[in-house]
């Protein structure tokens, strides 16, 4: 029995060491994204959330063909809304029946950007019925997005982003961004939507937004180059007046 007690921790330690080794080698091989940032902005009202998401996904430098919804529910993840639909239907609450109908209709839309905006709009009237802040992270809708390939950017956007990448990222990354084969991992991020806590006010516990602690928070994440994310947040501020603060992960 004593040997067995020592065997389990030893196995766990070996597994952890192997995972660290694998992740380090993946990073060296270039499989992992270079960064992970999370920034957020306080909204005046939860009703503006669909508009803000739309404004971000409509930035001139965002590639509409790279927008992709992925729904995560209790370790089950699919590139559609089916896990969320299944969860809502399982609540056996007739007050949520209309939401199930709406989600099924939205899930059939071919345009991913339209799906994303319609989803947020559909959740708004039911946010109170779904609210369960203690389980906020158990259900997340990830709206993945990506910058246009550098060769498809407007000259003005390309020049500004190139300058920022040269300032904030490595020389090698700047060269790769300017090349004809810019790695996709440099260009991608996601907007997080939490159906069980649509207001996403959790961040008020860590960040001072200078607003009421009940102000909804739009959370935007990015895994690519620093210069690209800085450009996107600058564009959102110029377009909407929204200022973003660091939530977690790396800082710009």
Protein backbone atom coordinates (compact mmCIF):
# COMPACT_ATOMS: atom_id res chain seq x y z
CA UNK A 1 0.00 0.00 0.00
CA UNK A 2 2.84 2.39 0.83
CA UNK A 3 4.44 1.78 -2.57
CA UNK A 4 1.10 2.46 -4.24
CA UNK A 5 0.75 5.78 -2.41
CA UNK A 6 4.06 6.96 -3.84
CA UNK A 7 3.39 5.53 -7.32
CA UNK A 8 0.40 7.77 -8.17
CA UNK A 9 2.16 11.11 -7.42
CA UNK A 10 5.18 9.88 -9.38
CA UNK A 11 3.03 9.10 -12.42
CA UNK A 12 1.33 12.50 -12.20
CA UNK A 13 4.72 14.21 -12.00
CA UNK A 14 5.96 12.32 -15.07
CA UNK A 15 2.83 13.29 -17.02
CA UNK A 16 3.24 16.96 -16.07
CA UNK A 17 6.91 16.92 -17.13
CA UNK A 18 5.98 15.31 -20.45
CA UNK A 19 3.27 17.90 -21.08
CA UNK A 20 5.70 20.75 -20.37
CA UNK A 21 8.25 19.14 -22.71
CA UNK A 22 5.65 18.76 -25.47
CA UNK A 23 4.40 22.34 -25.12
CA UNK A 24 7.93 23.74 -25.15
CA UNK A 25 8.79 21.79 -28.28
CA UNK A 26 5.57 22.86 -29.96
CA UNK A 27 6.40 26.46 -29.16
CA UNK A 28 9.89 26.04 -30.59
CA UNK A 29 8.46 24.36 -33.69
CA UNK A 30 6.11 27.28 -34.21
CA UNK A 31 2.81 25.48 -33.61
CA UNK A 32 1.67 27.64 -30.70
CA UNK A 33 0.61 31.28 -31.08
CA UNK A 34 3.22 33.82 -29.97
CA UNK A 35 1.06 35.56 -27.37
CA UNK A 36 -2.25 35.50 -25.52
CA UNK A 37 -3.87 38.82 -24.65
CA UNK A 38 -7.25 39.59 -23.09
CA UNK A 39 -8.54 43.17 -23.09
CA UNK A 40 -11.96 44.55 -22.25
CA UNK A 41 -14.07 47.67 -22.43
CA UNK A 42 -16.96 48.71 -20.19
CA UNK A 43 -20.30 49.24 -21.92
CA UNK A 44 -22.92 51.76 -20.92
CA UNK A 45 -25.66 49.17 -21.25
CA UNK A 46 -25.88 45.44 -22.03
CA UNK A 47 -28.19 46.32 -24.91
CA UNK A 48 -25.18 47.75 -26.78
CA UNK A 49 -23.27 44.44 -26.71
CA UNK A 50 -24.49 43.21 -30.13
CA UNK A 51 -23.60 46.57 -31.69
CA UNK A 52 -20.10 46.56 -30.17
CA UNK A 53 -19.43 43.00 -31.32
CA UNK A 54 -20.67 43.96 -34.78
CA UNK A 55 -18.44 47.05 -34.85
CA UNK A 56 -15.38 45.00 -33.96
CA UNK A 57 -16.06 42.23 -36.47
CA UNK A 58 -16.76 44.91 -39.10
CA UNK A 59 -13.35 46.57 -38.78
CA UNK A 60 -11.89 47.03 -42.26
CA UNK A 61 -8.88 44.85 -41.45
CA UNK A 62 -10.90 41.86 -40.17
CA UNK A 63 -11.41 39.08 -42.71
CA UNK A 64 -15.12 38.12 -42.72
CA UNK A 65 -14.22 34.68 -44.09
CA UNK A 66 -12.15 33.93 -40.96
CA UNK A 67 -15.02 34.47 -38.54
CA UNK A 68 -16.08 31.16 -36.96
CA UNK A 69 -18.37 30.36 -34.05
CA UNK A 70 -17.41 27.59 -31.65
CA UNK A 71 -19.55 26.64 -28.66
CA UNK A 72 -18.09 25.10 -25.52
CA UNK A 73 -20.41 23.46 -22.99
CA UNK A 74 -18.99 21.35 -20.16
CA UNK A 75 -15.98 20.03 -22.10
CA UNK A 76 -18.06 19.47 -25.26
CA UNK A 77 -17.02 21.78 -28.09
CA UNK A 78 -18.49 22.12 -31.59
CA UNK A 79 -18.18 24.66 -34.40
CA UNK A 80 -21.87 25.47 -34.20
CA UNK A 81 -24.52 26.33 -31.60
CA UNK A 82 -25.75 22.78 -30.99
CA UNK A 83 -24.17 22.32 -27.52
CA UNK A 84 -25.81 25.57 -26.37
CA UNK A 85 -29.16 24.60 -27.91
CA UNK A 86 -29.00 21.23 -26.16
CA UNK A 87 -28.20 22.90 -22.82
CA UNK A 88 -31.05 25.43 -23.07
CA UNK A 89 -33.56 22.74 -24.12
CA UNK A 90 -32.48 20.55 -21.20
CA UNK A 91 -33.58 23.25 -18.72
CA UNK A 92 -37.20 22.17 -19.28
CA UNK A 93 -38.33 25.77 -18.87
CA UNK A 94 -41.14 26.78 -21.22
CA UNK A 95 -40.01 30.40 -20.86
CA UNK A 96 -36.88 29.39 -22.80
CA UNK A 97 -38.72 27.67 -25.65
CA UNK A 98 -38.59 30.76 -27.85
CA UNK A 99 -34.83 30.98 -27.32
CA UNK A 100 -34.41 27.37 -28.47
CA UNK A 101 -36.38 28.19 -31.63
CA UNK A 102 -34.26 31.30 -32.25
CA UNK A 103 -30.97 29.46 -31.67
CA UNK A 104 -31.96 26.68 -34.07
CA UNK A 105 -32.74 29.27 -36.75
CA UNK A 106 -29.49 31.15 -36.13
CA UNK A 107 -27.48 27.93 -36.27
CA UNK A 108 -28.65 27.41 -39.86
CA UNK A 109 -27.41 30.78 -41.10
CA UNK A 110 -24.49 30.38 -43.53
CA UNK A 111 -22.84 33.67 -42.59
CA UNK A 112 -20.77 33.31 -39.40
CA UNK A 113 -20.67 37.03 -38.65
CA UNK A 114 -24.45 37.28 -38.91
CA UNK A 115 -24.71 34.22 -36.67
CA UNK A 116 -22.56 35.91 -34.04
CA UNK A 117 -24.55 39.15 -33.98
CA UNK A 118 -27.93 37.40 -34.06
CA UNK A 119 -26.80 35.09 -31.24
CA UNK A 120 -25.95 37.96 -28.90
CA UNK A 121 -29.25 39.68 -29.74
CA UNK A 122 -31.16 36.45 -29.11
CA UNK A 123 -29.56 35.94 -25.68
CA UNK A 124 -30.38 39.44 -24.40
CA UNK A 125 -34.08 38.92 -23.48
CA UNK A 126 -33.23 35.66 -21.68
CA UNK A 127 -30.10 36.71 -19.81
CA UNK A 128 -31.95 36.76 -16.48
CA UNK A 129 -33.36 33.25 -16.93
CA UNK A 130 -29.96 31.85 -17.90
CA UNK A 131 -27.93 33.76 -15.33
CA UNK A 132 -25.59 31.63 -13.23
CA UNK A 133 -22.40 33.60 -12.67
CA UNK A 134 -20.76 30.86 -10.59
CA UNK A 135 -20.74 28.66 -13.71
CA UNK A 136 -19.88 31.42 -16.18
CA UNK A 137 -16.93 29.56 -17.68
CA UNK A 138 -18.81 26.28 -18.16
CA UNK A 139 -20.56 27.66 -21.26
CA UNK A 140 -18.69 29.93 -23.65
CA UNK A 141 -19.38 30.91 -27.23
CA UNK A 142 -16.09 31.73 -28.92
CA UNK A 143 -16.34 34.04 -31.92
CA UNK A 144 -13.04 33.45 -33.68
CA UNK A 145 -11.78 36.17 -35.99
CA UNK A 146 -8.68 36.87 -38.02
CA UNK A 147 -6.88 39.75 -39.64
CA UNK A 148 -6.93 39.79 -43.44
CA UNK A 149 -3.81 38.33 -44.99
CA UNK A 150 -1.26 41.19 -45.12
CA UNK A 151 -1.34 41.20 -48.93
CA UNK A 152 -5.10 41.90 -48.83
CA UNK A 153 -4.95 44.84 -46.41
CA UNK A 154 -5.42 48.38 -47.66
CA UNK A 155 -2.09 50.25 -48.10
CA UNK A 156 -2.89 52.51 -45.15
CA UNK A 157 -3.75 49.64 -42.79
CA UNK A 158 -0.79 47.56 -43.96
CA UNK A 159 1.63 50.44 -43.41
CA UNK A 160 0.33 51.24 -39.93
CA UNK A 161 0.30 47.60 -38.81
CA UNK A 162 3.79 47.02 -40.23
CA UNK A 163 5.10 49.98 -38.22
CA UNK A 164 3.50 48.68 -35.02
CA UNK A 165 4.76 45.13 -35.58
CA UNK A 166 8.30 46.45 -36.07
CA UNK A 167 7.99 48.44 -32.83
CA UNK A 168 6.37 45.79 -30.63
CA UNK A 169 7.33 42.39 -32.06
CA UNK A 170 10.60 40.69 -33.01
CA UNK A 171 12.53 41.37 -36.20
CA UNK A 172 11.85 37.81 -37.37
CA UNK A 173 8.12 38.19 -36.78
CA UNK A 174 8.12 41.52 -38.63
CA UNK A 175 9.83 39.86 -41.60
CA UNK A 176 7.33 37.00 -41.60
CA UNK A 177 4.40 39.41 -41.35
CA UNK A 178 5.71 41.26 -44.43
CA UNK A 179 6.35 38.04 -46.34
CA UNK A 180 3.97 36.33 -48.76
CA UNK A 181 3.49 33.49 -46.26
CA UNK A 182 2.58 35.22 -43.01
CA UNK A 183 1.79 32.48 -40.41
CA UNK A 184 -1.93 32.29 -39.69
CA UNK A 185 -1.22 32.04 -35.94
CA UNK A 186 -0.01 35.67 -36.07
CA UNK A 187 -3.44 36.92 -37.14
CA UNK A 188 -6.11 35.27 -34.97
CA UNK A 189 -8.14 35.93 -31.83
CA UNK A 190 -11.62 35.50 -30.38
CA UNK A 191 -14.46 37.42 -28.76
CA UNK A 192 -15.86 35.59 -25.73
CA UNK A 193 -19.61 35.50 -25.05
CA UNK A 194 -20.86 33.98 -21.78
CA UNK A 195 -24.56 32.93 -21.97
CA UNK A 196 -24.71 32.33 -18.20
CA UNK A 197 -23.24 35.75 -17.42
CA UNK A 198 -23.83 37.92 -20.46
CA UNK A 199 -22.77 41.09 -18.63
CA UNK A 200 -19.36 39.51 -17.85
CA UNK A 201 -18.94 41.73 -14.76
CA UNK A 202 -16.47 39.27 -13.21
CA UNK A 203 -13.63 41.47 -14.47
CA UNK A 204 -14.62 44.36 -12.18
CA UNK A 205 -13.04 42.36 -9.36
CA UNK A 206 -9.61 42.67 -11.01
CA UNK A 207 -9.75 45.80 -13.16
CA UNK A 208 -10.77 49.39 -12.47
CA UNK A 209 -12.74 50.55 -15.50
CA UNK A 210 -13.72 53.82 -13.87
CA UNK A 211 -17.39 52.89 -14.18
CA UNK A 212 -20.07 51.21 -12.11
CA UNK A 213 -19.11 47.66 -11.11
CA UNK A 214 -22.32 46.58 -12.83
CA UNK A 215 -21.22 47.89 -16.24
CA UNK A 216 -21.16 45.05 -18.80
CA UNK A 217 -17.73 44.15 -20.17
CA UNK A 218 -16.94 43.27 -23.78
CA UNK A 219 -13.99 40.84 -23.69
CA UNK A 220 -11.70 40.52 -26.71
CA UNK A 221 -8.80 38.08 -26.89
CA UNK A 222 -5.92 37.82 -29.34
CA UNK A 223 -3.14 35.26 -29.78
CA UNK A 224 -1.10 36.82 -32.58
CA UNK A 225 1.38 39.65 -32.88
CA UNK A 226 1.38 42.57 -30.45
CA UNK A 227 1.43 45.14 -33.25
CA UNK A 228 -1.69 43.68 -34.86
CA UNK A 229 -3.72 43.66 -31.65
CA UNK A 230 -2.61 47.19 -30.80
CA UNK A 231 -3.82 48.28 -34.23
CA UNK A 232 -7.21 46.57 -33.79
CA UNK A 233 -7.81 48.16 -30.38
CA UNK A 234 -6.72 51.57 -31.73
CA UNK A 235 -9.17 51.17 -34.61
CA UNK A 236 -12.00 50.30 -32.22
CA UNK A 237 -11.24 53.40 -30.16
CA UNK A 238 -11.18 55.60 -33.29
CA UNK A 239 -14.40 54.05 -34.60
CA UNK A 240 -16.44 53.80 -31.39
CA UNK A 241 -14.62 55.77 -28.69
CA UNK A 242 -14.20 52.58 -26.65
CA UNK A 243 -11.00 52.32 -24.59
CA UNK A 244 -9.75 48.85 -23.68
CA UNK A 245 -8.04 47.78 -20.47
CA UNK A 246 -5.87 44.74 -19.81
CA UNK A 247 -7.82 41.83 -18.28
CA UNK A 248 -5.38 38.93 -18.19
CA UNK A 249 -2.65 37.22 -20.18
CA UNK A 250 0.14 39.40 -21.56
CA UNK A 251 0.03 43.17 -21.73
CA UNK A 252 0.68 45.24 -24.83
